[in-house]
């Protein structure tokens, strides 16, 4: 087996699982903590991690097609340029992961309180918003917000829909 397998496997893990974890953090942190993450820092984290992961694992496909086997301690000098690019990408990914902890620190220590629904659009002509029940509660929601699970019979946000109170 060659490095093509390594590159493909790690693409699936990092791009699928790890980016999903980061996305969940950015989506839910405001509801869980009541603090909004700094958008600019979140964008910097995403793009540096995205570029780092692609620089790390994409060259592994070329190494595999060129015949570099897995699990060897030393490899011919012909593979050195692609390995150098992959190494640089891994350093960039590691720095971006450390930067993520800085973003989490800024979110928890130096952010402003967030509204109940930070995904609601300020522009009334835009329809980008979230009307699920959790976004109608204060951020963060109080413990034991409901004595029993609420039942919503109509779509929230349409005329005649019930207003939820807590």
N, C-alpha and C. Protein backbone atom coordinates (compact mmCIF):
# COMPACT_ATOMS: atom_id res chain seq x y z
N UNK A 1 0.84 -1.18 0.00
CA UNK A 1 0.00 0.00 0.00
C UNK A 1 0.88 1.25 0.00
N UNK A 2 0.37 2.28 -0.64
CA UNK A 2 1.16 3.50 -0.78
C UNK A 2 0.54 4.63 0.03
N UNK A 3 1.18 5.80 -0.08
CA UNK A 3 0.71 6.99 0.61
C UNK A 3 -0.63 7.49 0.08
N UNK A 4 -1.06 6.98 -1.06
CA UNK A 4 -2.38 7.37 -1.58
C UNK A 4 -3.47 7.00 -0.57
N UNK A 5 -3.34 5.82 0.04
CA UNK A 5 -4.30 5.37 1.05
C UNK A 5 -4.25 6.27 2.28
N UNK A 6 -3.04 6.65 2.70
CA UNK A 6 -2.88 7.53 3.86
C UNK A 6 -3.53 8.88 3.59
N UNK A 7 -3.26 9.45 2.41
CA UNK A 7 -3.84 10.74 2.07
C UNK A 7 -5.36 10.69 2.03
N UNK A 8 -5.91 9.68 1.40
CA UNK A 8 -7.37 9.57 1.30
C UNK A 8 -8.01 9.36 2.67
N UNK A 9 -7.45 8.49 3.47
CA UNK A 9 -8.01 8.19 4.80
C UNK A 9 -8.02 9.44 5.67
N UNK A 10 -6.92 10.16 5.68
CA UNK A 10 -6.85 11.35 6.52
C UNK A 10 -7.68 12.50 5.97
N UNK A 11 -7.86 12.58 4.67
CA UNK A 11 -8.79 13.56 4.12
C UNK A 11 -10.19 13.32 4.67
N UNK A 12 -10.61 12.07 4.66
CA UNK A 12 -11.95 11.75 5.16
C UNK A 12 -12.07 12.10 6.64
N UNK A 13 -11.06 11.75 7.43
CA UNK A 13 -11.13 12.02 8.87
C UNK A 13 -11.07 13.52 9.17
N UNK A 14 -10.09 14.20 8.62
CA UNK A 14 -9.93 15.61 8.99
C UNK A 14 -10.99 16.49 8.36
N UNK A 15 -11.24 16.30 7.09
CA UNK A 15 -12.21 17.17 6.43
C UNK A 15 -13.64 16.82 6.83
N UNK A 16 -13.91 15.59 7.15
CA UNK A 16 -15.26 15.20 7.52
C UNK A 16 -15.54 15.35 9.00
N UNK A 17 -14.73 14.72 9.81
CA UNK A 17 -15.01 14.69 11.25
C UNK A 17 -14.54 15.95 11.97
N UNK A 18 -13.31 16.35 11.78
CA UNK A 18 -12.77 17.47 12.53
C UNK A 18 -13.45 18.78 12.14
N UNK A 19 -13.68 18.98 10.84
CA UNK A 19 -14.37 20.21 10.43
C UNK A 19 -15.81 20.21 10.94
N UNK A 20 -16.42 19.04 11.06
CA UNK A 20 -17.76 18.97 11.65
C UNK A 20 -17.76 19.36 13.12
N UNK A 21 -16.72 18.97 13.84
CA UNK A 21 -16.61 19.35 15.25
C UNK A 21 -16.43 20.86 15.38
N UNK A 22 -15.56 21.44 14.55
CA UNK A 22 -15.38 22.89 14.58
C UNK A 22 -16.68 23.63 14.22
N UNK A 23 -17.39 23.13 13.21
CA UNK A 23 -18.64 23.76 12.81
C UNK A 23 -19.67 23.70 13.94
N UNK A 24 -19.74 22.58 14.63
CA UNK A 24 -20.67 22.46 15.76
C UNK A 24 -20.31 23.44 16.86
N UNK A 25 -19.01 23.61 17.13
CA UNK A 25 -18.60 24.58 18.14
C UNK A 25 -19.07 25.98 17.76
N UNK A 26 -18.79 26.40 16.54
CA UNK A 26 -19.14 27.76 16.13
C UNK A 26 -20.66 27.96 16.07
N UNK A 27 -21.40 26.91 15.75
CA UNK A 27 -22.85 27.05 15.67
C UNK A 27 -23.49 27.11 17.06
N UNK A 28 -23.02 26.28 18.00
CA UNK A 28 -23.70 26.13 19.28
C UNK A 28 -23.09 26.92 20.43
N UNK A 29 -21.88 27.45 20.30
CA UNK A 29 -21.24 28.09 21.44
C UNK A 29 -22.04 29.28 21.96
N UNK A 30 -22.68 30.01 21.08
CA UNK A 30 -23.46 31.17 21.54
C UNK A 30 -24.68 30.74 22.34
N UNK A 31 -25.32 29.67 21.97
CA UNK A 31 -26.50 29.21 22.70
C UNK A 31 -26.09 28.59 24.04
N UNK A 32 -24.99 27.85 24.06
CA UNK A 32 -24.57 27.17 25.27
C UNK A 32 -24.02 28.14 26.31
N UNK A 33 -23.22 29.10 25.87
CA UNK A 33 -22.53 29.99 26.80
C UNK A 33 -23.14 31.37 26.92
N UNK A 34 -23.89 31.81 25.91
CA UNK A 34 -24.40 33.17 25.89
C UNK A 34 -23.37 34.17 25.39
N UNK A 35 -22.25 33.67 24.88
CA UNK A 35 -21.17 34.52 24.36
C UNK A 35 -20.99 34.26 22.87
N UNK A 36 -20.82 35.33 22.10
CA UNK A 36 -20.65 35.19 20.66
C UNK A 36 -19.16 35.15 20.32
N UNK A 37 -18.77 34.20 19.47
CA UNK A 37 -17.37 34.12 19.06
C UNK A 37 -17.05 35.28 18.12
N UNK A 38 -15.79 35.74 18.10
CA UNK A 38 -15.41 36.81 17.17
C UNK A 38 -15.36 36.26 15.74
N UNK A 39 -16.21 36.79 14.88
CA UNK A 39 -16.36 36.27 13.52
C UNK A 39 -15.04 36.30 12.75
N UNK A 40 -14.30 37.38 12.86
CA UNK A 40 -13.06 37.50 12.10
C UNK A 40 -12.07 36.42 12.52
N UNK A 41 -11.94 36.19 13.81
CA UNK A 41 -11.02 35.15 14.29
C UNK A 41 -11.50 33.76 13.88
N UNK A 42 -12.79 33.55 13.87
CA UNK A 42 -13.32 32.27 13.40
C UNK A 42 -13.01 32.04 11.93
N UNK A 43 -13.11 33.10 11.13
CA UNK A 43 -12.77 32.99 9.70
C UNK A 43 -11.28 32.68 9.51
N UNK A 44 -10.43 33.38 10.27
CA UNK A 44 -8.99 33.12 10.18
C UNK A 44 -8.68 31.67 10.56
N UNK A 45 -9.31 31.19 11.63
CA UNK A 45 -9.09 29.81 12.04
C UNK A 45 -9.52 28.84 10.95
N UNK A 46 -10.70 29.05 10.39
CA UNK A 46 -11.19 28.14 9.35
C UNK A 46 -10.24 28.09 8.16
N UNK A 47 -9.87 29.26 7.63
CA UNK A 47 -9.06 29.27 6.41
C UNK A 47 -7.65 28.76 6.63
N UNK A 48 -7.05 29.06 7.78
CA UNK A 48 -5.70 28.52 8.02
C UNK A 48 -5.75 27.00 8.20
N UNK A 49 -6.78 26.52 8.88
CA UNK A 49 -6.90 25.06 9.04
C UNK A 49 -7.21 24.39 7.71
N UNK A 50 -8.09 24.99 6.91
CA UNK A 50 -8.46 24.43 5.61
C UNK A 50 -7.24 24.35 4.69
N UNK A 51 -6.47 25.42 4.63
CA UNK A 51 -5.27 25.43 3.78
C UNK A 51 -4.24 24.45 4.33
N UNK A 52 -4.06 24.43 5.65
CA UNK A 52 -3.08 23.52 6.24
C UNK A 52 -3.42 22.06 6.00
N UNK A 53 -4.67 21.70 6.14
CA UNK A 53 -5.08 20.30 5.93
C UNK A 53 -4.90 19.92 4.47
N UNK A 54 -5.26 20.81 3.56
CA UNK A 54 -5.09 20.49 2.14
C UNK A 54 -3.62 20.41 1.75
N UNK A 55 -2.78 21.28 2.32
CA UNK A 55 -1.34 21.19 2.04
C UNK A 55 -0.73 19.93 2.65
N UNK A 56 -1.33 19.43 3.70
CA UNK A 56 -0.80 18.23 4.33
C UNK A 56 -1.17 16.97 3.56
N UNK A 57 -2.44 16.81 3.24
CA UNK A 57 -2.91 15.52 2.73
C UNK A 57 -3.02 15.42 1.22
N UNK A 58 -3.18 16.52 0.51
CA UNK A 58 -3.28 16.42 -0.95
C UNK A 58 -1.98 15.93 -1.58
N UNK A 59 -0.80 16.41 -1.14
CA UNK A 59 0.44 15.88 -1.72
C UNK A 59 0.64 14.38 -1.48
N UNK A 60 0.01 13.84 -0.46
CA UNK A 60 0.15 12.41 -0.20
C UNK A 60 -0.43 11.57 -1.33
N UNK A 61 -1.42 12.11 -2.04
CA UNK A 61 -1.94 11.39 -3.19
C UNK A 61 -0.87 11.29 -4.28
N UNK A 62 -0.16 12.39 -4.51
CA UNK A 62 0.92 12.36 -5.51
C UNK A 62 2.05 11.43 -5.08
N UNK A 63 2.37 11.44 -3.78
CA UNK A 63 3.40 10.53 -3.28
C UNK A 63 2.98 9.08 -3.48
N UNK A 64 1.71 8.79 -3.23
CA UNK A 64 1.23 7.42 -3.42
C UNK A 64 1.26 7.01 -4.88
N UNK A 65 0.85 7.92 -5.77
CA UNK A 65 0.89 7.60 -7.19
C UNK A 65 2.32 7.43 -7.69
N UNK A 66 3.26 8.13 -7.04
CA UNK A 66 4.67 7.98 -7.42
C UNK A 66 5.29 6.72 -6.82
N UNK A 67 4.59 6.07 -5.89
CA UNK A 67 5.05 4.80 -5.37
C UNK A 67 5.66 4.83 -3.99
N UNK A 68 5.56 5.92 -3.25
CA UNK A 68 6.12 5.92 -1.90
C UNK A 68 5.30 5.00 -1.02
N UNK A 69 5.94 3.97 -0.43
CA UNK A 69 5.19 3.05 0.42
C UNK A 69 4.94 3.65 1.80
N UNK A 70 3.98 3.07 2.48
CA UNK A 70 3.68 3.48 3.85
C UNK A 70 4.69 2.87 4.81
N UNK A 71 4.76 3.45 6.00
CA UNK A 71 5.49 2.90 7.14
C UNK A 71 6.96 2.63 6.84
N UNK A 72 7.62 3.59 6.22
CA UNK A 72 9.06 3.47 6.04
C UNK A 72 9.71 4.63 6.76
N UNK A 73 10.89 4.40 7.30
CA UNK A 73 11.56 5.43 8.07
C UNK A 73 12.32 6.40 7.17
N UNK A 74 12.83 5.92 6.08
CA UNK A 74 13.60 6.76 5.17
C UNK A 74 13.07 6.53 3.77
N UNK A 75 13.06 7.58 2.97
CA UNK A 75 12.52 7.47 1.63
C UNK A 75 13.50 8.11 0.66
N UNK A 76 13.43 7.77 -0.61
CA UNK A 76 14.34 8.35 -1.59
C UNK A 76 14.16 9.87 -1.70
N UNK A 77 15.20 10.55 -2.12
CA UNK A 77 15.16 12.01 -2.25
C UNK A 77 14.15 12.48 -3.29
N UNK A 78 13.71 11.61 -4.16
CA UNK A 78 12.74 12.01 -5.18
C UNK A 78 11.40 12.41 -4.56
N UNK A 79 11.12 11.90 -3.36
CA UNK A 79 9.87 12.22 -2.69
C UNK A 79 9.98 13.45 -1.78
N UNK A 80 11.15 14.02 -1.65
CA UNK A 80 11.38 15.10 -0.68
C UNK A 80 10.52 16.35 -0.92
N UNK A 81 10.35 16.84 -2.16
CA UNK A 81 9.55 18.08 -2.31
C UNK A 81 8.10 17.94 -1.82
N UNK A 82 7.43 16.84 -2.19
CA UNK A 82 6.04 16.67 -1.75
C UNK A 82 5.97 16.44 -0.25
N UNK A 83 6.95 15.75 0.32
CA UNK A 83 6.98 15.56 1.77
C UNK A 83 7.23 16.87 2.49
N UNK A 84 8.03 17.75 1.91
CA UNK A 84 8.27 19.07 2.52
C UNK A 84 6.99 19.90 2.53
N UNK A 85 6.22 19.84 1.44
CA UNK A 85 4.94 20.56 1.39
C UNK A 85 3.98 19.99 2.42
N UNK A 86 3.91 18.67 2.52
CA UNK A 86 3.03 18.04 3.50
C UNK A 86 3.46 18.39 4.93
N UNK A 87 4.74 18.46 5.17
CA UNK A 87 5.22 18.84 6.50
C UNK A 87 4.85 20.28 6.83
N UNK A 88 5.02 21.19 5.88
CA UNK A 88 4.63 22.58 6.09
C UNK A 88 3.13 22.68 6.39
N UNK A 89 2.32 21.92 5.65
CA UNK A 89 0.88 21.92 5.89
C UNK A 89 0.52 21.41 7.27
N UNK A 90 1.25 20.41 7.75
CA UNK A 90 0.95 19.89 9.09
C UNK A 90 1.32 20.91 10.16
N UNK A 91 2.40 21.67 9.96
CA UNK A 91 2.74 22.74 10.90
C UNK A 91 1.67 23.82 10.90
N UNK A 92 1.18 24.17 9.71
CA UNK A 92 0.13 25.18 9.61
C UNK A 92 -1.15 24.69 10.28
N UNK A 93 -1.50 23.42 10.10
CA UNK A 93 -2.69 22.85 10.76
C UNK A 93 -2.54 22.87 12.27
N UNK A 94 -1.35 22.55 12.77
CA UNK A 94 -1.12 22.55 14.21
C UNK A 94 -1.22 23.96 14.78
N UNK A 95 -0.66 24.94 14.08
CA UNK A 95 -0.78 26.33 14.53
C UNK A 95 -2.24 26.78 14.53
N UNK A 96 -2.99 26.35 13.52
CA UNK A 96 -4.40 26.71 13.46
C UNK A 96 -5.18 26.06 14.59
N UNK A 97 -4.84 24.85 14.96
CA UNK A 97 -5.51 24.19 16.08
C UNK A 97 -5.23 24.92 17.38
N UNK A 98 -4.00 25.39 17.55
CA UNK A 98 -3.67 26.20 18.73
C UNK A 98 -4.43 27.51 18.70
N UNK A 99 -4.54 28.10 17.51
CA UNK A 99 -5.29 29.35 17.34
C UNK A 99 -6.76 29.16 17.71
N UNK A 100 -7.29 27.96 17.46
CA UNK A 100 -8.67 27.68 17.84
C UNK A 100 -8.87 27.85 19.35
N UNK A 101 -7.91 27.41 20.14
CA UNK A 101 -8.03 27.60 21.59
C UNK A 101 -7.99 29.07 21.97
N UNK A 102 -7.26 29.86 21.21
CA UNK A 102 -7.27 31.32 21.42
C UNK A 102 -8.65 31.89 21.09
N UNK A 103 -9.26 31.41 20.01
CA UNK A 103 -10.62 31.85 19.65
C UNK A 103 -11.60 31.46 20.74
N UNK A 104 -11.47 30.26 21.28
CA UNK A 104 -12.35 29.82 22.38
C UNK A 104 -12.13 30.71 23.61
N UNK A 105 -10.88 31.07 23.89
CA UNK A 105 -10.60 31.96 25.01
C UNK A 105 -11.26 33.33 24.79
N UNK A 106 -11.10 33.88 23.59
CA UNK A 106 -11.73 35.17 23.30
C UNK A 106 -13.24 35.09 23.44
N UNK A 107 -13.81 33.98 23.00
CA UNK A 107 -15.26 33.80 23.08
C UNK A 107 -15.73 33.80 24.52
N UNK A 108 -15.04 33.08 25.38
CA UNK A 108 -15.50 32.92 26.75
C UNK A 108 -15.09 34.07 27.66
N UNK A 109 -13.99 34.73 27.37
CA UNK A 109 -13.47 35.74 28.29
C UNK A 109 -13.72 37.18 27.85
N UNK A 110 -13.80 37.43 26.56
CA UNK A 110 -13.82 38.82 26.11
C UNK A 110 -14.93 39.12 25.11
N UNK A 111 -15.99 38.33 25.11
CA UNK A 111 -17.04 38.59 24.13
C UNK A 111 -18.22 39.30 24.77
N UNK A 112 -19.07 39.81 23.91
CA UNK A 112 -20.28 40.49 24.36
C UNK A 112 -21.41 39.47 24.48
N UNK A 113 -22.41 39.78 25.31
CA UNK A 113 -23.57 38.88 25.39
C UNK A 113 -24.26 38.78 24.02
N UNK A 114 -24.85 37.65 23.78
CA UNK A 114 -25.47 37.39 22.49
C UNK A 114 -26.99 37.42 22.64
N UNK A 115 -27.67 37.69 21.54
CA UNK A 115 -29.13 37.67 21.55
C UNK A 115 -29.62 36.22 21.62
N UNK A 116 -30.93 36.07 21.77
CA UNK A 116 -31.50 34.71 21.82
C UNK A 116 -31.21 33.93 20.55
N UNK A 117 -31.29 34.61 19.41
CA UNK A 117 -31.07 33.96 18.13
C UNK A 117 -30.00 34.72 17.35
N UNK A 118 -28.73 34.37 17.53
CA UNK A 118 -27.69 35.10 16.81
C UNK A 118 -27.70 34.86 15.32
N UNK A 119 -28.43 33.85 14.85
CA UNK A 119 -28.47 33.56 13.42
C UNK A 119 -29.61 34.29 12.73
N UNK A 120 -30.41 35.03 13.49
CA UNK A 120 -31.51 35.79 12.88
C UNK A 120 -30.93 36.95 12.08
N UNK A 121 -31.52 37.20 10.96
CA UNK A 121 -31.05 38.28 10.09
C UNK A 121 -31.54 39.63 10.60
N UNK A 122 -30.69 40.64 10.50
CA UNK A 122 -31.07 41.99 10.88
C UNK A 122 -31.89 42.63 9.77
N UNK A 123 -31.64 42.23 8.54
CA UNK A 123 -32.35 42.75 7.38
C UNK A 123 -33.72 42.08 7.27
N UNK A 124 -34.83 42.84 7.34
CA UNK A 124 -36.16 42.20 7.30
C UNK A 124 -36.49 41.56 5.97
N UNK A 125 -35.79 41.92 4.89
CA UNK A 125 -36.09 41.31 3.59
C UNK A 125 -35.38 39.98 3.41
N UNK A 126 -34.41 39.70 4.25
CA UNK A 126 -33.68 38.44 4.16
C UNK A 126 -34.36 37.38 5.01
N UNK A 127 -34.40 36.17 4.52
CA UNK A 127 -35.09 35.10 5.23
C UNK A 127 -34.14 34.17 5.97
N UNK A 128 -32.88 34.54 6.08
CA UNK A 128 -31.89 33.69 6.74
C UNK A 128 -32.06 33.79 8.25
N UNK A 129 -32.71 32.82 8.82
CA UNK A 129 -32.90 32.78 10.26
C UNK A 129 -33.22 31.36 10.69
N UNK A 130 -33.29 31.14 11.95
CA UNK A 130 -33.58 29.83 12.49
C UNK A 130 -34.76 29.96 13.44
N UNK A 131 -35.83 29.22 13.19
CA UNK A 131 -37.02 29.32 14.01
C UNK A 131 -37.24 28.09 14.88
N UNK A 132 -36.24 27.25 15.07
CA UNK A 132 -36.43 26.10 15.93
C UNK A 132 -36.61 26.57 17.37
N UNK A 133 -37.16 25.71 18.19
CA UNK A 133 -37.57 26.10 19.53
C UNK A 133 -36.40 26.54 20.41
N UNK A 134 -35.22 25.96 20.22
CA UNK A 134 -34.11 26.33 21.09
C UNK A 134 -33.64 27.76 20.87
N UNK A 135 -33.89 28.32 19.68
CA UNK A 135 -33.44 29.69 19.39
C UNK A 135 -34.42 30.73 19.91
N UNK A 136 -35.55 30.31 20.43
CA UNK A 136 -36.51 31.25 21.02
C UNK A 136 -36.24 31.47 22.51
N UNK A 137 -35.40 30.63 23.09
CA UNK A 137 -35.07 30.73 24.52
C UNK A 137 -33.91 31.70 24.72
N UNK A 138 -33.74 32.21 25.93
CA UNK A 138 -32.58 33.08 26.18
C UNK A 138 -31.28 32.29 26.08
N UNK A 139 -30.19 33.00 25.83
CA UNK A 139 -28.88 32.36 25.71
C UNK A 139 -28.02 32.75 26.89
N UNK A 140 -27.51 31.84 27.66
CA UNK A 140 -27.81 30.41 27.70
C UNK A 140 -29.17 30.16 28.35
N UNK A 141 -29.84 29.07 27.99
CA UNK A 141 -31.13 28.78 28.61
C UNK A 141 -30.97 28.42 30.08
N UNK A 142 -31.97 28.74 30.86
CA UNK A 142 -31.93 28.41 32.29
C UNK A 142 -32.12 26.91 32.47
N UNK A 143 -31.62 26.41 33.59
CA UNK A 143 -31.83 25.00 33.91
C UNK A 143 -33.33 24.76 34.11
N UNK A 144 -33.78 23.61 33.69
CA UNK A 144 -35.18 23.21 33.84
C UNK A 144 -36.10 24.26 33.22
N UNK A 145 -35.81 24.65 32.00
CA UNK A 145 -36.61 25.64 31.31
C UNK A 145 -38.04 25.14 31.11
N UNK A 146 -38.19 23.88 30.83
CA UNK A 146 -39.51 23.31 30.63
C UNK A 146 -39.78 22.27 31.71
N UNK A 147 -40.99 22.30 32.28
CA UNK A 147 -41.39 21.25 33.20
C UNK A 147 -41.74 19.99 32.44
N UNK A 148 -42.23 20.16 31.22
CA UNK A 148 -42.45 19.04 30.31
C UNK A 148 -42.07 19.51 28.92
N UNK A 149 -41.81 18.59 28.05
CA UNK A 149 -41.39 18.96 26.70
C UNK A 149 -42.52 19.68 25.98
N UNK A 150 -42.23 20.84 25.36
CA UNK A 150 -43.28 21.59 24.66
C UNK A 150 -43.66 20.91 23.35
N UNK A 151 -44.88 21.13 22.94
CA UNK A 151 -45.39 20.61 21.69
C UNK A 151 -45.76 21.80 20.82
N UNK A 152 -45.21 21.87 19.65
CA UNK A 152 -45.50 22.95 18.71
C UNK A 152 -46.32 22.34 17.59
N UNK A 153 -47.52 22.85 17.40
CA UNK A 153 -48.43 22.28 16.41
C UNK A 153 -48.34 22.97 15.07
N UNK A 154 -47.82 24.18 15.03
CA UNK A 154 -47.70 24.92 13.78
C UNK A 154 -46.24 25.33 13.58
N UNK A 155 -45.92 25.73 12.37
CA UNK A 155 -44.57 26.19 12.08
C UNK A 155 -44.37 27.55 12.73
N UNK A 156 -43.31 27.67 13.47
CA UNK A 156 -43.00 28.93 14.16
C UNK A 156 -42.57 29.96 13.13
N UNK A 157 -43.03 31.18 13.30
CA UNK A 157 -42.65 32.25 12.42
C UNK A 157 -43.71 32.61 11.39
N UNK A 158 -44.71 31.73 11.22
CA UNK A 158 -45.78 32.02 10.28
C UNK A 158 -46.93 32.69 11.02
N UNK A 159 -47.74 33.43 10.32
CA UNK A 159 -48.89 34.07 10.99
C UNK A 159 -49.78 33.04 11.68
N UNK A 160 -50.14 33.32 12.92
CA UNK A 160 -50.98 32.43 13.67
C UNK A 160 -50.23 31.37 14.44
N UNK A 161 -48.90 31.35 14.33
CA UNK A 161 -48.11 30.35 15.05
C UNK A 161 -48.08 30.73 16.53
N UNK A 162 -48.02 29.73 17.39
CA UNK A 162 -48.00 30.03 18.83
C UNK A 162 -46.72 30.71 19.24
N UNK A 163 -46.81 31.61 20.19
CA UNK A 163 -45.63 32.26 20.75
C UNK A 163 -45.18 31.44 21.96
N UNK A 164 -43.92 31.10 21.99
CA UNK A 164 -43.40 30.31 23.09
C UNK A 164 -42.91 31.24 24.19
N UNK A 165 -43.24 30.92 25.40
CA UNK A 165 -42.78 31.69 26.54
C UNK A 165 -42.08 30.74 27.50
N UNK A 166 -41.29 31.30 28.35
CA UNK A 166 -40.60 30.46 29.32
C UNK A 166 -40.86 30.99 30.71
